[in-house]
Amino acid sequence: WQDTGAASLGSDLLQFGVPAFAVGGLVLSGLDAGGGRAVGQDLLVTVEAVSVALLAMQVTKMAAGRLRPYAWADPGSIQGRDAYASFFSGHTTATFAVASAAGTVARLRGYRHWRWILGVGMAAAATTGYLRIAADRHWATDVLMGAAVGSLAGFGLPVWLHQRESGAAPAA
């Protein structure tokens, strides 16, 4: 993009918009189906998954010290440690984690609108990743890794740790 600032702003807005949509849909579905206790449990499972994804991202980002694209293209622009925090994308990790976790929890609970929560959330998360590349803040591999780690935590942890008592997740 010629205007990387617009792409950066868009990705920043989506970093907050995706969780608001996904969690909002989960809360409304939980209230409709089971009341306040179900909502609290749903949110706890979602927060667990997002927290694990963000912890993995932060540890990797600090250990890798990968140069961001804008800093690679213009070494004179390097100021501070943020220029070395490219691998992997936190915006992408967060949005994929919350969208996949909220959608998975809604599916496991049998909420009617789980497909909307998951589908719209994942599409918006993918847009967030694209905008991080367009903003010259991340390489494509940073975004792909963020999407993979966020999705793995978001899909995997709710299923692995919070299956129904029978031990099997319900069929979609």
C-alpha atoms as a PDB file:
ATOM      1  CA  TRP A   1       0.000   0.000   0.000  1.00  0.00           C
ATOM      2  CA  GLN A   2       1.138   3.525  -0.626  1.00  0.00           C
ATOM      3  CA  ASP A   3      -0.372   4.672   2.677  1.00  0.00           C
ATOM      4  CA  THR A   4       0.918   2.192   5.242  1.00  0.00           C
ATOM      5  CA  GLY A   5      -0.607   4.325   8.000  1.00  0.00           C
ATOM      6  CA  ALA A   6      -4.131   3.510   6.821  1.00  0.00           C
ATOM      7  CA  ALA A   7      -3.348  -0.213   6.783  1.00  0.00           C
ATOM      8  CA  SER A   8      -1.823   0.048  10.263  1.00  0.00           C
ATOM      9  CA  LEU A   9      -4.884   1.883  11.582  1.00  0.00           C
ATOM     10  CA  GLY A  10      -7.182  -0.703  10.004  1.00  0.00           C
ATOM     11  CA  SER A  11      -5.311  -3.572  11.626  1.00  0.00           C
ATOM     12  CA  ASP A  12      -5.337  -1.764  14.982  1.00  0.00           C
ATOM     13  CA  LEU A  13      -9.106  -1.281  14.749  1.00  0.00           C
ATOM     14  CA  LEU A  14      -9.617  -4.935  13.842  1.00  0.00           C
ATOM     15  CA  GLN A  15      -7.421  -6.020  16.754  1.00  0.00           C
ATOM     16  CA  PHE A  16     -10.169  -4.644  18.995  1.00  0.00           C
ATOM     17  CA  GLY A  17     -13.132  -5.208  16.676  1.00  0.00           C
ATOM     18  CA  VAL A  18     -12.621  -8.944  16.174  1.00  0.00           C
ATOM     19  CA  PRO A  19     -12.635  -9.728  19.914  1.00  0.00           C
ATOM     20  CA  ALA A  20     -15.611  -7.416  20.446  1.00  0.00           C
ATOM     21  CA  PHE A  21     -17.585  -9.235  17.737  1.00  0.00           C
ATOM     22  CA  ALA A  22     -16.541 -12.776  18.702  1.00  0.00           C
ATOM     23  CA  VAL A  23     -16.921 -12.334  22.447  1.00  0.00           C
ATOM     24  CA  GLY A  24     -20.116 -10.345  21.999  1.00  0.00           C
ATOM     25  CA  GLY A  25     -21.607 -13.121  19.884  1.00  0.00           C
ATOM     26  CA  LEU A  26     -20.506 -15.714  22.423  1.00  0.00           C
ATOM     27  CA  VAL A  27     -21.995 -13.760  25.330  1.00  0.00           C
ATOM     28  CA  LEU A  28     -25.311 -13.197  23.565  1.00  0.00           C
ATOM     29  CA  SER A  29     -25.493 -16.858  22.571  1.00  0.00           C
ATOM     30  CA  GLY A  30     -24.641 -17.951  26.107  1.00  0.00           C
ATOM     31  CA  LEU A  31     -27.269 -15.700  27.653  1.00  0.00           C
ATOM     32  CA  ASP A  32     -29.845 -17.012  25.200  1.00  0.00           C
ATOM     33  CA  ALA A  33     -28.989 -20.647  25.913  1.00  0.00           C
ATOM     34  CA  GLY A  34     -27.893 -20.924  29.510  1.00  0.00           C
ATOM     35  CA  GLY A  35     -27.702 -17.684  31.414  1.00  0.00           C
ATOM     36  CA  GLY A  36     -24.926 -16.004  33.318  1.00  0.00           C
ATOM     37  CA  ARG A  37     -23.098 -19.091  34.539  1.00  0.00           C
ATOM     38  CA  ALA A  38     -22.666 -20.416  31.005  1.00  0.00           C
ATOM     39  CA  VAL A  39     -21.389 -17.017  29.866  1.00  0.00           C
ATOM     40  CA  GLY A  40     -18.775 -16.957  32.618  1.00  0.00           C
ATOM     41  CA  GLN A  41     -17.580 -20.436  31.724  1.00  0.00           C
ATOM     42  CA  ASP A  42     -17.502 -19.609  28.012  1.00  0.00           C
ATOM     43  CA  LEU A  43     -15.450 -16.481  28.617  1.00  0.00           C
ATOM     44  CA  LEU A  44     -13.016 -18.311  30.879  1.00  0.00           C
ATOM     45  CA  VAL A  45     -12.311 -20.963  28.251  1.00  0.00           C
ATOM     46  CA  THR A  46     -11.889 -18.288  25.582  1.00  0.00           C
ATOM     47  CA  VAL A  47      -9.508 -16.251  27.741  1.00  0.00           C
ATOM     48  CA  GLU A  48      -7.456 -19.385  28.490  1.00  0.00           C
ATOM     49  CA  ALA A  49      -6.928 -20.074  24.803  1.00  0.00           C
ATOM     50  CA  VAL A  50      -6.102 -16.470  23.912  1.00  0.00           C
ATOM     51  CA  SER A  51      -3.692 -16.192  26.857  1.00  0.00           C
ATOM     52  CA  VAL A  52      -1.755 -19.288  25.811  1.00  0.00           C
ATOM     53  CA  ALA A  53      -1.481 -18.021  22.219  1.00  0.00           C
ATOM     54  CA  LEU A  54      -0.303 -14.571  23.299  1.00  0.00           C
ATOM     55  CA  LEU A  55       2.230 -15.997  25.735  1.00  0.00           C
ATOM     56  CA  ALA A  56       3.717 -18.179  22.998  1.00  0.00           C
ATOM     57  CA  MET A  57       3.822 -15.185  20.657  1.00  0.00           C
ATOM     58  CA  GLN A  58       5.498 -12.877  23.155  1.00  0.00           C
ATOM     59  CA  VAL A  59       8.174 -15.401  24.165  1.00  0.00           C
ATOM     60  CA  THR A  60       8.948 -16.161  20.513  1.00  0.00           C
ATOM     61  CA  LYS A  61       8.950 -12.493  19.496  1.00  0.00           C
ATOM     62  CA  MET A  62      11.468 -11.584  22.211  1.00  0.00           C
ATOM     63  CA  ALA A  63      13.667 -14.602  21.486  1.00  0.00           C
ATOM     64  CA  ALA A  64      13.694 -14.223  17.699  1.00  0.00           C
ATOM     65  CA  GLY A  65      14.413 -10.504  17.437  1.00  0.00           C
ATOM     66  CA  ARG A  66      13.462 -10.428  13.764  1.00  0.00           C
ATOM     67  CA  LEU A  67      13.693  -7.094  11.969  1.00  0.00           C
ATOM     68  CA  ARG A  68      10.408  -5.610  10.750  1.00  0.00           C
ATOM     69  CA  PRO A  69      10.023  -4.967   6.995  1.00  0.00           C
ATOM     70  CA  TYR A  70      10.072  -1.174   7.300  1.00  0.00           C
ATOM     71  CA  ALA A  71      13.315  -1.345   9.300  1.00  0.00           C
ATOM     72  CA  TRP A  72      14.878  -3.791   6.856  1.00  0.00           C
ATOM     73  CA  ALA A  73      14.066  -1.478   3.933  1.00  0.00           C
ATOM     74  CA  ASP A  74      15.389   1.609   5.750  1.00  0.00           C
ATOM     75  CA  PRO A  75      18.003   0.796   8.418  1.00  0.00           C
ATOM     76  CA  GLY A  76      18.058   4.492   9.379  1.00  0.00           C
ATOM     77  CA  SER A  77      14.484   4.125  10.704  1.00  0.00           C
ATOM     78  CA  ILE A  78      15.516   1.672  13.433  1.00  0.00           C
ATOM     79  CA  GLN A  79      14.690   3.220  16.774  1.00  0.00           C
ATOM     80  CA  GLY A  80      14.167   1.074  19.835  1.00  0.00           C
ATOM     81  CA  ARG A  81      13.410  -2.577  20.318  1.00  0.00           C
ATOM     82  CA  ASP A  82      10.113  -2.539  18.390  1.00  0.00           C
ATOM     83  CA  ALA A  83      12.013  -2.635  15.102  1.00  0.00           C
ATOM     84  CA  TYR A  84      13.202  -6.122  16.142  1.00  0.00           C
ATOM     85  CA  ALA A  85       9.772  -7.491  17.098  1.00  0.00           C
ATOM     86  CA  SER A  86       8.499  -8.842  13.797  1.00  0.00           C
ATOM     87  CA  PHE A  87       8.282 -12.614  14.320  1.00  0.00           C
ATOM     88  CA  PHE A  88       5.443 -13.352  14.805  1.00  0.00           C
ATOM     89  CA  SER A  89       2.444 -11.045  14.477  1.00  0.00           C
ATOM     90  CA  GLY A  90       0.661 -10.276  17.740  1.00  0.00           C
ATOM     91  CA  HIS A  91      -2.341  -8.681  16.033  1.00  0.00           C
ATOM     92  CA  THR A  92      -2.819 -11.787  13.905  1.00  0.00           C
ATOM     93  CA  THR A  93      -2.248 -14.199  16.793  1.00  0.00           C
ATOM     94  CA  ALA A  94      -4.775 -12.400  18.995  1.00  0.00           C
ATOM     95  CA  THR A  95      -7.514 -12.117  16.391  1.00  0.00           C
ATOM     96  CA  PHE A  96      -7.210 -15.718  15.206  1.00  0.00           C
ATOM     97  CA  ALA A  97      -7.091 -16.992  18.790  1.00  0.00           C
ATOM     98  CA  VAL A  98     -10.184 -15.135  19.950  1.00  0.00           C
ATOM     99  CA  ALA A  99     -12.197 -15.864  16.794  1.00  0.00           C
ATOM    100  CA  SER A 100     -11.385 -19.576  16.785  1.00  0.00           C
ATOM    101  CA  ALA A 101     -11.796 -19.962  20.561  1.00  0.00           C
ATOM    102  CA  ALA A 102     -15.150 -18.169  20.703  1.00  0.00           C
ATOM    103  CA  GLY A 103     -16.404 -20.078  17.662  1.00  0.00           C
ATOM    104  CA  THR A 104     -15.206 -23.403  19.053  1.00  0.00           C
ATOM    105  CA  VAL A 105     -16.735 -22.807  22.483  1.00  0.00           C
ATOM    106  CA  ALA A 106     -20.017 -21.818  20.826  1.00  0.00           C
ATOM    107  CA  ARG A 107     -19.907 -24.989  18.697  1.00  0.00           C
ATOM    108  CA  LEU A 108     -19.125 -27.205  21.684  1.00  0.00           C
ATOM    109  CA  ARG A 109     -22.042 -25.648  23.577  1.00  0.00           C
ATOM    110  CA  GLY A 110     -24.366 -26.160  20.621  1.00  0.00           C
ATOM    111  CA  TYR A 111     -25.177 -22.468  20.198  1.00  0.00           C
ATOM    112  CA  ARG A 112     -27.194 -21.686  17.075  1.00  0.00           C
ATOM    113  CA  HIS A 113     -24.933 -18.917  15.792  1.00  0.00           C
ATOM    114  CA  TRP A 114     -21.546 -20.608  16.188  1.00  0.00           C
ATOM    115  CA  ARG A 115     -20.984 -20.601  12.417  1.00  0.00           C
ATOM    116  CA  TRP A 116     -21.410 -16.821  12.292  1.00  0.00           C
ATOM    117  CA  ILE A 117     -19.087 -16.260  15.223  1.00  0.00           C
ATOM    118  CA  LEU A 118     -16.449 -18.501  13.685  1.00  0.00           C
ATOM    119  CA  GLY A 119     -16.865 -17.499  10.026  1.00  0.00           C
ATOM    120  CA  VAL A 120     -17.008 -13.726  10.424  1.00  0.00           C
ATOM    121  CA  GLY A 121     -14.339 -13.821  13.136  1.00  0.00           C
ATOM    122  CA  MET A 122     -11.887 -15.818  11.029  1.00  0.00           C
ATOM    123  CA  ALA A 123     -12.490 -13.663   7.937  1.00  0.00           C
ATOM    124  CA  ALA A 124     -11.827 -10.521   9.977  1.00  0.00           C
ATOM    125  CA  ALA A 125      -8.743 -12.131  11.531  1.00  0.00           C
ATOM    126  CA  ALA A 126      -7.399 -12.917   8.050  1.00  0.00           C
ATOM    127  CA  THR A 127      -8.027  -9.306   7.052  1.00  0.00           C
ATOM    128  CA  THR A 128      -6.090  -8.198  10.126  1.00  0.00           C
ATOM    129  CA  GLY A 129      -3.122 -10.303   9.024  1.00  0.00           C
ATOM    130  CA  TYR A 130      -3.244  -8.923   5.499  1.00  0.00           C
ATOM    131  CA  LEU A 131      -3.302  -5.374   6.819  1.00  0.00           C
ATOM    132  CA  ARG A 132      -0.239  -6.044   9.005  1.00  0.00           C
ATOM    133  CA  ILE A 133       1.676  -6.956   5.847  1.00  0.00           C
ATOM    134  CA  ALA A 134       0.240  -3.963   3.956  1.00  0.00           C
ATOM    135  CA  ALA A 135       1.278  -1.701   6.857  1.00  0.00           C
ATOM    136  CA  ASP A 136       4.881  -2.893   6.402  1.00  0.00           C
ATOM    137  CA  ARG A 137       4.918  -4.129   9.999  1.00  0.00           C
ATOM    138  CA  HIS A 138       5.229  -7.871   9.308  1.00  0.00           C
ATOM    139  CA  TRP A 139       6.477 -10.327   6.748  1.00  0.00           C
ATOM    140  CA  ALA A 140       4.017 -12.880   5.352  1.00  0.00           C
ATOM    141  CA  THR A 141       5.677 -15.626   7.425  1.00  0.00           C
ATOM    142  CA  ASP A 142       5.064 -13.586  10.595  1.00  0.00           C
ATOM    143  CA  VAL A 143       1.366 -13.412   9.790  1.00  0.00           C
ATOM    144  CA  LEU A 144       1.096 -17.077   8.788  1.00  0.00           C
ATOM    145  CA  MET A 145       2.761 -18.162  12.036  1.00  0.00           C
ATOM    146  CA  GLY A 146       0.495 -15.871  14.055  1.00  0.00           C
ATOM    147  CA  ALA A 147      -2.552 -17.346  12.317  1.00  0.00           C
ATOM    148  CA  ALA A 148      -1.323 -20.894  12.950  1.00  0.00           C
ATOM    149  CA  VAL A 149      -0.513 -20.387  16.639  1.00  0.00           C
ATOM    150  CA  GLY A 150      -3.700 -18.415  17.299  1.00  0.00           C
ATOM    151  CA  SER A 151      -5.837 -20.996  15.522  1.00  0.00           C
ATOM    152  CA  LEU A 152      -4.122 -23.943  17.197  1.00  0.00           C
ATOM    153  CA  ALA A 153      -4.726 -22.486  20.652  1.00  0.00           C
ATOM    154  CA  GLY A 154      -8.227 -21.278  19.789  1.00  0.00           C
ATOM    155  CA  PHE A 155      -9.449 -24.541  18.304  1.00  0.00           C
ATOM    156  CA  GLY A 156      -7.329 -26.953  20.293  1.00  0.00           C
ATOM    157  CA  LEU A 157      -7.516 -25.812  23.890  1.00  0.00           C
ATOM    158  CA  PRO A 158     -11.316 -25.651  24.206  1.00  0.00           C
ATOM    159  CA  VAL A 159     -11.642 -29.100  22.660  1.00  0.00           C
ATOM    160  CA  TRP A 160      -8.731 -30.648  24.543  1.00  0.00           C
ATOM    161  CA  LEU A 161      -9.380 -29.197  27.985  1.00  0.00           C
ATOM    162  CA  HIS A 162     -13.128 -28.706  28.023  1.00  0.00           C
ATOM    163  CA  GLN A 163     -14.797 -31.575  26.232  1.00  0.00           C
ATOM    164  CA  ARG A 164     -18.090 -32.881  27.478  1.00  0.00           C
ATOM    165  CA  GLU A 165     -17.973 -35.398  30.294  1.00  0.00           C
ATOM    166  CA  SER A 166     -18.453 -38.275  27.882  1.00  0.00           C
ATOM    167  CA  GLY A 167     -14.993 -37.462  26.536  1.00  0.00           C
ATOM    168  CA  ALA A 168     -16.142 -36.764  23.009  1.00  0.00           C
ATOM    169  CA  ALA A 169     -16.812 -33.409  21.481  1.00  0.00           C
ATOM    170  CA  PRO A 170     -20.277 -33.070  19.968  1.00  0.00           C
ATOM    171  CA  ALA A 171     -20.636 -33.392  16.232  1.00  0.00           C
ATOM    172  CA  ALA A 172     -20.978 -30.213  14.223  1.00  0.00           C
END
